[in-house]
Amino acid sequence: MAVRNIFTDDASCLYKKARPVEKFDKKLHDLLDDMSETMYAAEGVGLAAPQVGILRRIFVMDCGDGLIEAVNPEIIETSGEQGGMEGCLSFPERRGYVVRPNRVVFRAYNRIGELMEYECEGLSARCVMHETDHLDGHVYLEKVTEPPEGFTEEQAEDEREPEAGAKAEAAPEAGAESEPKSEPKSKGEAQE
């Protein structure tokens, strides 16, 4: 495993759409290991492959309840709304108020090619949307708006719960019924 360079600011890889992963092999495993090590070393909660110069549809995240490795992620459903301050490892020392869905359901393959389904709320939902934006060549600065009147960063920190929520389960086979998913809750700011 190795800590990789994180591309910043005007690096062209941050503004290009990533291609799907086709091979689930040692090269992918090494990239996922490097990405998680890089994310943890930078004290982030998420990192997308384009941020380390790899134009593939991959991100890693850990909002406090364990590492998620998402290969070829697809957003299935979003609901609700949350606003909060965001930052990004590719734009150090910059932050901005961004409105995102409060709940996200997405599917992605894990490192061995198993299709998983995740349901996220709060900080985890914010992180999923932030990282999938990277995969489509978009950065959070494109979504920054003025915070609502009376909003303070201190208020956002006070509202943040200690646990972020993301629940994973194997994606149901076509036509199969799935059990209801729990909805863990969290609020807060993402420092990607």
C-alpha atoms as a PDB file:
ATOM      1  CA  MET A   1       0.000   0.000   0.000  1.00  0.00           C
ATOM      2  CA  ALA A   2       1.102   3.535  -0.688  1.00  0.00           C
ATOM      3  CA  VAL A   3      -0.108   7.060  -0.098  1.00  0.00           C
ATOM      4  CA  ARG A   4      -0.784   8.611  -3.501  1.00  0.00           C
ATOM      5  CA  ASN A   5      -0.592  12.226  -4.574  1.00  0.00           C
ATOM      6  CA  ILE A   6      -3.965  14.003  -4.416  1.00  0.00           C
ATOM      7  CA  PHE A   7      -4.529  16.267  -7.408  1.00  0.00           C
ATOM      8  CA  THR A   8      -5.756  19.744  -6.551  1.00  0.00           C
ATOM      9  CA  ASP A   9      -7.398  22.870  -7.916  1.00  0.00           C
ATOM     10  CA  ASP A  10      -7.188  23.017 -11.716  1.00  0.00           C
ATOM     11  CA  ALA A  11      -5.845  19.493 -12.400  1.00  0.00           C
ATOM     12  CA  SER A  12      -7.641  18.275 -15.522  1.00  0.00           C
ATOM     13  CA  CYS A  13      -8.393  14.843 -14.021  1.00  0.00           C
ATOM     14  CA  LEU A  14     -10.818  16.493 -11.590  1.00  0.00           C
ATOM     15  CA  TYR A  15     -13.026  17.696 -14.450  1.00  0.00           C
ATOM     16  CA  LYS A  16     -13.210  14.568 -16.613  1.00  0.00           C
ATOM     17  CA  LYS A  17     -15.828  11.826 -16.481  1.00  0.00           C
ATOM     18  CA  ALA A  18     -14.443   8.529 -15.190  1.00  0.00           C
ATOM     19  CA  ARG A  19     -14.862   5.249 -17.093  1.00  0.00           C
ATOM     20  CA  PRO A  20     -16.332   2.048 -15.613  1.00  0.00           C
ATOM     21  CA  VAL A  21     -14.068  -0.591 -14.119  1.00  0.00           C
ATOM     22  CA  GLU A  22     -14.057  -3.763 -16.197  1.00  0.00           C
ATOM     23  CA  LYS A  23     -11.528  -6.002 -14.406  1.00  0.00           C
ATOM     24  CA  PHE A  24     -11.661  -7.005 -10.757  1.00  0.00           C
ATOM     25  CA  ASP A  25      -8.035  -7.997 -10.314  1.00  0.00           C
ATOM     26  CA  LYS A  26      -4.914  -7.343  -8.233  1.00  0.00           C
ATOM     27  CA  LYS A  27      -4.415  -3.976  -9.923  1.00  0.00           C
ATOM     28  CA  LEU A  28      -7.873  -2.879  -8.693  1.00  0.00           C
ATOM     29  CA  HIS A  29      -7.173  -4.272  -5.203  1.00  0.00           C
ATOM     30  CA  ASP A  30      -3.887  -2.334  -5.040  1.00  0.00           C
ATOM     31  CA  LEU A  31      -5.634   0.871  -6.150  1.00  0.00           C
ATOM     32  CA  LEU A  32      -8.371   0.452  -3.524  1.00  0.00           C
ATOM     33  CA  ASP A  33      -5.740  -0.173  -0.827  1.00  0.00           C
ATOM     34  CA  ASP A  34      -3.769   2.901  -1.904  1.00  0.00           C
ATOM     35  CA  MET A  35      -6.896   5.059  -2.039  1.00  0.00           C
ATOM     36  CA  SER A  36      -8.013   4.114   1.469  1.00  0.00           C
ATOM     37  CA  GLU A  37      -4.504   4.653   2.844  1.00  0.00           C
ATOM     38  CA  THR A  38      -4.359   8.036   1.090  1.00  0.00           C
ATOM     39  CA  MET A  39      -7.788   9.059   2.430  1.00  0.00           C
ATOM     40  CA  TYR A  40      -6.902   8.111   6.014  1.00  0.00           C
ATOM     41  CA  ALA A  41      -3.475   9.779   5.803  1.00  0.00           C
ATOM     42  CA  ALA A  42      -5.152  13.003   4.629  1.00  0.00           C
ATOM     43  CA  GLU A  43      -7.793  12.717   7.395  1.00  0.00           C
ATOM     44  CA  GLY A  44     -10.635  12.708   4.865  1.00  0.00           C
ATOM     45  CA  VAL A  45     -13.908  10.789   4.845  1.00  0.00           C
ATOM     46  CA  GLY A  46     -13.962  10.057   1.108  1.00  0.00           C
ATOM     47  CA  LEU A  47     -11.725   9.906  -1.943  1.00  0.00           C
ATOM     48  CA  ALA A  48     -12.578   9.291  -5.606  1.00  0.00           C
ATOM     49  CA  ALA A  49     -10.171   7.743  -8.112  1.00  0.00           C
ATOM     50  CA  PRO A  50      -9.974  10.899 -10.291  1.00  0.00           C
ATOM     51  CA  GLN A  51      -8.531  12.722  -7.274  1.00  0.00           C
ATOM     52  CA  VAL A  52      -5.473  10.456  -7.485  1.00  0.00           C
ATOM     53  CA  GLY A  53      -5.322  10.757 -11.274  1.00  0.00           C
ATOM     54  CA  ILE A  54      -7.171   7.536 -12.161  1.00  0.00           C
ATOM     55  CA  LEU A  55     -10.201   8.059 -14.417  1.00  0.00           C
ATOM     56  CA  ARG A  56     -12.161   5.028 -13.217  1.00  0.00           C
ATOM     57  CA  ARG A  57     -15.521   4.901 -11.435  1.00  0.00           C
ATOM     58  CA  ILE A  58     -14.225   4.102  -7.950  1.00  0.00           C
ATOM     59  CA  PHE A  59     -14.467   5.790  -4.576  1.00  0.00           C
ATOM     60  CA  VAL A  60     -13.688   4.904  -0.983  1.00  0.00           C
ATOM     61  CA  MET A  61     -15.331   6.405   2.084  1.00  0.00           C
ATOM     62  CA  ASP A  62     -15.404   6.037   5.838  1.00  0.00           C
ATOM     63  CA  CYS A  63     -17.720   8.358   7.734  1.00  0.00           C
ATOM     64  CA  GLY A  64     -17.143   6.623  11.031  1.00  0.00           C
ATOM     65  CA  ASP A  65     -18.748   3.226  10.610  1.00  0.00           C
ATOM     66  CA  GLY A  66     -16.189   1.415   8.472  1.00  0.00           C
ATOM     67  CA  LEU A  67     -14.624   1.538   5.048  1.00  0.00           C
ATOM     68  CA  ILE A  68     -16.809   1.315   1.954  1.00  0.00           C
ATOM     69  CA  GLU A  69     -15.132   0.550  -1.362  1.00  0.00           C
ATOM     70  CA  ALA A  70     -17.475   1.456  -4.221  1.00  0.00           C
ATOM     71  CA  VAL A  71     -16.687   0.277  -7.750  1.00  0.00           C
ATOM     72  CA  ASN A  72     -18.976   1.439 -10.575  1.00  0.00           C
ATOM     73  CA  PRO A  73     -21.451   3.043  -8.143  1.00  0.00           C
ATOM     74  CA  GLU A  74     -24.966   3.894  -9.277  1.00  0.00           C
ATOM     75  CA  ILE A  75     -27.361   6.132  -7.361  1.00  0.00           C
ATOM     76  CA  ILE A  76     -30.728   4.359  -7.102  1.00  0.00           C
ATOM     77  CA  GLU A  77     -32.739   6.790  -4.992  1.00  0.00           C
ATOM     78  CA  THR A  78     -32.402  10.062  -3.110  1.00  0.00           C
ATOM     79  CA  SER A  79     -34.774  11.824  -0.740  1.00  0.00           C
ATOM     80  CA  GLY A  80     -34.901  14.670   1.722  1.00  0.00           C
ATOM     81  CA  GLU A  81     -32.577  17.617   1.896  1.00  0.00           C
ATOM     82  CA  GLN A  82     -29.699  18.714   4.089  1.00  0.00           C
ATOM     83  CA  GLY A  83     -27.472  21.727   3.928  1.00  0.00           C
ATOM     84  CA  GLY A  84     -24.029  21.974   5.425  1.00  0.00           C
ATOM     85  CA  MET A  85     -20.427  22.977   5.013  1.00  0.00           C
ATOM     86  CA  GLU A  86     -18.273  20.834   2.761  1.00  0.00           C
ATOM     87  CA  GLY A  87     -14.598  20.671   2.047  1.00  0.00           C
ATOM     88  CA  CYS A  88     -12.557  18.550  -0.330  1.00  0.00           C
ATOM     89  CA  LEU A  89      -9.080  17.063  -0.248  1.00  0.00           C
ATOM     90  CA  SER A  90      -8.604  18.414  -3.790  1.00  0.00           C
ATOM     91  CA  PHE A  91      -9.369  21.968  -2.640  1.00  0.00           C
ATOM     92  CA  PRO A  92      -7.483  22.309   0.641  1.00  0.00           C
ATOM     93  CA  GLU A  93      -8.350  25.181   2.938  1.00  0.00           C
ATOM     94  CA  ARG A  94     -11.608  25.886   1.062  1.00  0.00           C
ATOM     95  CA  ARG A  95     -15.118  25.224   2.326  1.00  0.00           C
ATOM     96  CA  GLY A  96     -18.599  26.084   1.212  1.00  0.00           C
ATOM     97  CA  TYR A  97     -22.265  25.546   2.013  1.00  0.00           C
ATOM     98  CA  VAL A  98     -23.822  22.825  -0.163  1.00  0.00           C
ATOM     99  CA  VAL A  99     -27.351  21.391  -0.221  1.00  0.00           C
ATOM    100  CA  ARG A 100     -27.509  17.622  -0.805  1.00  0.00           C
ATOM    101  CA  PRO A 101     -30.062  14.825  -0.377  1.00  0.00           C
ATOM    102  CA  ASN A 102     -30.351  13.621   3.226  1.00  0.00           C
ATOM    103  CA  ARG A 103     -30.888   9.992   2.193  1.00  0.00           C
ATOM    104  CA  VAL A 104     -29.206   8.062  -0.636  1.00  0.00           C
ATOM    105  CA  VAL A 105     -29.556   4.481  -1.814  1.00  0.00           C
ATOM    106  CA  PHE A 106     -26.822   3.291  -4.167  1.00  0.00           C
ATOM    107  CA  ARG A 107     -25.432   0.115  -5.645  1.00  0.00           C
ATOM    108  CA  ALA A 108     -21.772  -0.615  -6.241  1.00  0.00           C
ATOM    109  CA  TYR A 109     -19.486  -3.561  -6.679  1.00  0.00           C
ATOM    110  CA  ASN A 110     -16.999  -4.425  -3.981  1.00  0.00           C
ATOM    111  CA  ARG A 111     -13.373  -5.337  -4.713  1.00  0.00           C
ATOM    112  CA  ILE A 112     -14.227  -8.931  -5.662  1.00  0.00           C
ATOM    113  CA  GLY A 113     -17.070  -8.028  -7.985  1.00  0.00           C
ATOM    114  CA  GLU A 114     -20.055  -8.636  -5.702  1.00  0.00           C
ATOM    115  CA  LEU A 115     -22.891  -6.170  -6.249  1.00  0.00           C
ATOM    116  CA  MET A 116     -23.824  -4.476  -2.969  1.00  0.00           C
ATOM    117  CA  GLU A 117     -26.586  -2.040  -2.066  1.00  0.00           C
ATOM    118  CA  TYR A 118     -26.069   0.724   0.486  1.00  0.00           C
ATOM    119  CA  GLU A 119     -28.511   3.025   2.233  1.00  0.00           C
ATOM    120  CA  CYS A 120     -26.995   6.162   3.717  1.00  0.00           C
ATOM    121  CA  GLU A 121     -28.229   9.194   5.606  1.00  0.00           C
ATOM    122  CA  GLY A 122     -26.738  12.460   6.780  1.00  0.00           C
ATOM    123  CA  LEU A 123     -22.964  12.700   6.475  1.00  0.00           C
ATOM    124  CA  SER A 124     -22.701   9.369   4.654  1.00  0.00           C
ATOM    125  CA  ALA A 125     -25.311  10.446   2.082  1.00  0.00           C
ATOM    126  CA  ARG A 126     -23.469  13.750   1.611  1.00  0.00           C
ATOM    127  CA  CYS A 127     -20.197  11.873   1.087  1.00  0.00           C
ATOM    128  CA  VAL A 128     -21.699   9.473  -1.496  1.00  0.00           C
ATOM    129  CA  MET A 129     -23.077  12.375  -3.532  1.00  0.00           C
ATOM    130  CA  HIS A 130     -19.791  14.318  -3.260  1.00  0.00           C
ATOM    131  CA  GLU A 131     -17.745  11.322  -4.442  1.00  0.00           C
ATOM    132  CA  THR A 132     -20.084  10.379  -7.303  1.00  0.00           C
ATOM    133  CA  ASP A 133     -19.906  13.997  -8.475  1.00  0.00           C
ATOM    134  CA  HIS A 134     -16.118  13.527  -8.764  1.00  0.00           C
ATOM    135  CA  LEU A 135     -16.703  10.450 -10.945  1.00  0.00           C
ATOM    136  CA  ASP A 136     -18.778  12.587 -13.308  1.00  0.00           C
ATOM    137  CA  GLY A 137     -16.144  15.336 -13.519  1.00  0.00           C
ATOM    138  CA  HIS A 138     -17.862  17.731 -11.115  1.00  0.00           C
ATOM    139  CA  VAL A 139     -16.533  19.321  -7.934  1.00  0.00           C
ATOM    140  CA  TYR A 140     -18.429  20.573  -4.910  1.00  0.00           C
ATOM    141  CA  LEU A 141     -17.480  24.197  -5.621  1.00  0.00           C
ATOM    142  CA  GLU A 142     -19.986  24.113  -8.507  1.00  0.00           C
ATOM    143  CA  LYS A 143     -22.765  23.547  -5.948  1.00  0.00           C
ATOM    144  CA  VAL A 144     -21.787  26.070  -3.279  1.00  0.00           C
ATOM    145  CA  THR A 145     -24.591  28.464  -2.319  1.00  0.00           C
ATOM    146  CA  GLU A 146     -25.177  31.039   0.379  1.00  0.00           C
ATOM    147  CA  PRO A 147     -26.119  29.421   3.696  1.00  0.00           C
ATOM    148  CA  PRO A 148     -29.556  30.235   5.068  1.00  0.00           C
ATOM    149  CA  GLU A 149     -29.886  33.285   7.264  1.00  0.00           C
ATOM    150  CA  GLY A 150     -28.642  32.552  10.758  1.00  0.00           C
ATOM    151  CA  PHE A 151     -26.615  29.475   9.780  1.00  0.00           C
ATOM    152  CA  THR A 152     -23.241  29.190  11.489  1.00  0.00           C
ATOM    153  CA  GLU A 153     -20.503  26.588  11.136  1.00  0.00           C
ATOM    154  CA  GLU A 154     -20.551  26.193  14.919  1.00  0.00           C
ATOM    155  CA  GLN A 155     -24.244  25.319  14.718  1.00  0.00           C
ATOM    156  CA  ALA A 156     -23.473  22.639  12.116  1.00  0.00           C
ATOM    157  CA  GLU A 157     -20.778  21.155  14.376  1.00  0.00           C
ATOM    158  CA  ASP A 158     -23.180  21.113  17.354  1.00  0.00           C
ATOM    159  CA  GLU A 159     -25.791  19.226  15.314  1.00  0.00           C
ATOM    160  CA  ARG A 160     -23.314  16.610  14.118  1.00  0.00           C
ATOM    161  CA  GLU A 161     -23.948  13.165  15.593  1.00  0.00           C
ATOM    162  CA  PRO A 162     -20.961  10.975  16.463  1.00  0.00           C
ATOM    163  CA  GLU A 163     -21.967   8.104  14.196  1.00  0.00           C
ATOM    164  CA  ALA A 164     -22.465   8.321  10.450  1.00  0.00           C
ATOM    165  CA  GLY A 165     -24.798   5.874   8.827  1.00  0.00           C
ATOM    166  CA  ALA A 166     -24.345   3.543   5.937  1.00  0.00           C
ATOM    167  CA  LYS A 167     -25.798   0.072   5.829  1.00  0.00           C
ATOM    168  CA  ALA A 168     -24.718  -2.413   3.203  1.00  0.00           C
ATOM    169  CA  GLU A 169     -26.316  -5.589   2.009  1.00  0.00           C
ATOM    170  CA  ALA A 170     -25.931  -7.781  -1.022  1.00  0.00           C
ATOM    171  CA  ALA A 171     -28.063  -6.421  -3.833  1.00  0.00           C
ATOM    172  CA  PRO A 172     -31.183  -8.545  -4.399  1.00  0.00           C
ATOM    173  CA  GLU A 173     -31.295 -10.742  -7.456  1.00  0.00           C
ATOM    174  CA  ALA A 174     -33.763  -9.716 -10.134  1.00  0.00           C
ATOM    175  CA  GLY A 175     -37.285 -10.505  -8.958  1.00  0.00           C
ATOM    176  CA  ALA A 176     -36.210 -11.362  -5.407  1.00  0.00           C
ATOM    177  CA  GLU A 177     -37.780  -9.612  -2.438  1.00  0.00           C
ATOM    178  CA  SER A 178     -35.459  -7.831  -0.086  1.00  0.00           C
ATOM    179  CA  GLU A 179     -35.822  -7.189   3.615  1.00  0.00           C
ATOM    180  CA  PRO A 180     -36.459  -3.630   4.758  1.00  0.00           C
ATOM    181  CA  LYS A 181     -33.357  -1.570   5.340  1.00  0.00           C
ATOM    182  CA  SER A 182     -32.658   0.322   8.519  1.00  0.00           C
ATOM    183  CA  GLU A 183     -32.052   4.034   8.205  1.00  0.00           C
ATOM    184  CA  PRO A 184     -29.066   5.100  10.302  1.00  0.00           C
ATOM    185  CA  LYS A 185     -28.959   8.823  10.858  1.00  0.00           C
ATOM    186  CA  SER A 186     -26.182  11.360  10.972  1.00  0.00           C
ATOM    187  CA  LYS A 187     -25.671  15.022  10.226  1.00  0.00           C
ATOM    188  CA  GLY A 188     -22.587  17.015   9.648  1.00  0.00           C
ATOM    189  CA  GLU A 189     -19.953  18.284   7.318  1.00  0.00           C
ATOM    190  CA  ALA A 190     -17.839  16.276   4.941  1.00  0.00           C
ATOM    191  CA  GLN A 191     -14.128  16.854   4.596  1.00  0.00           C
ATOM    192  CA  GLU A 192     -13.550  14.669   1.612  1.00  0.00           C
END
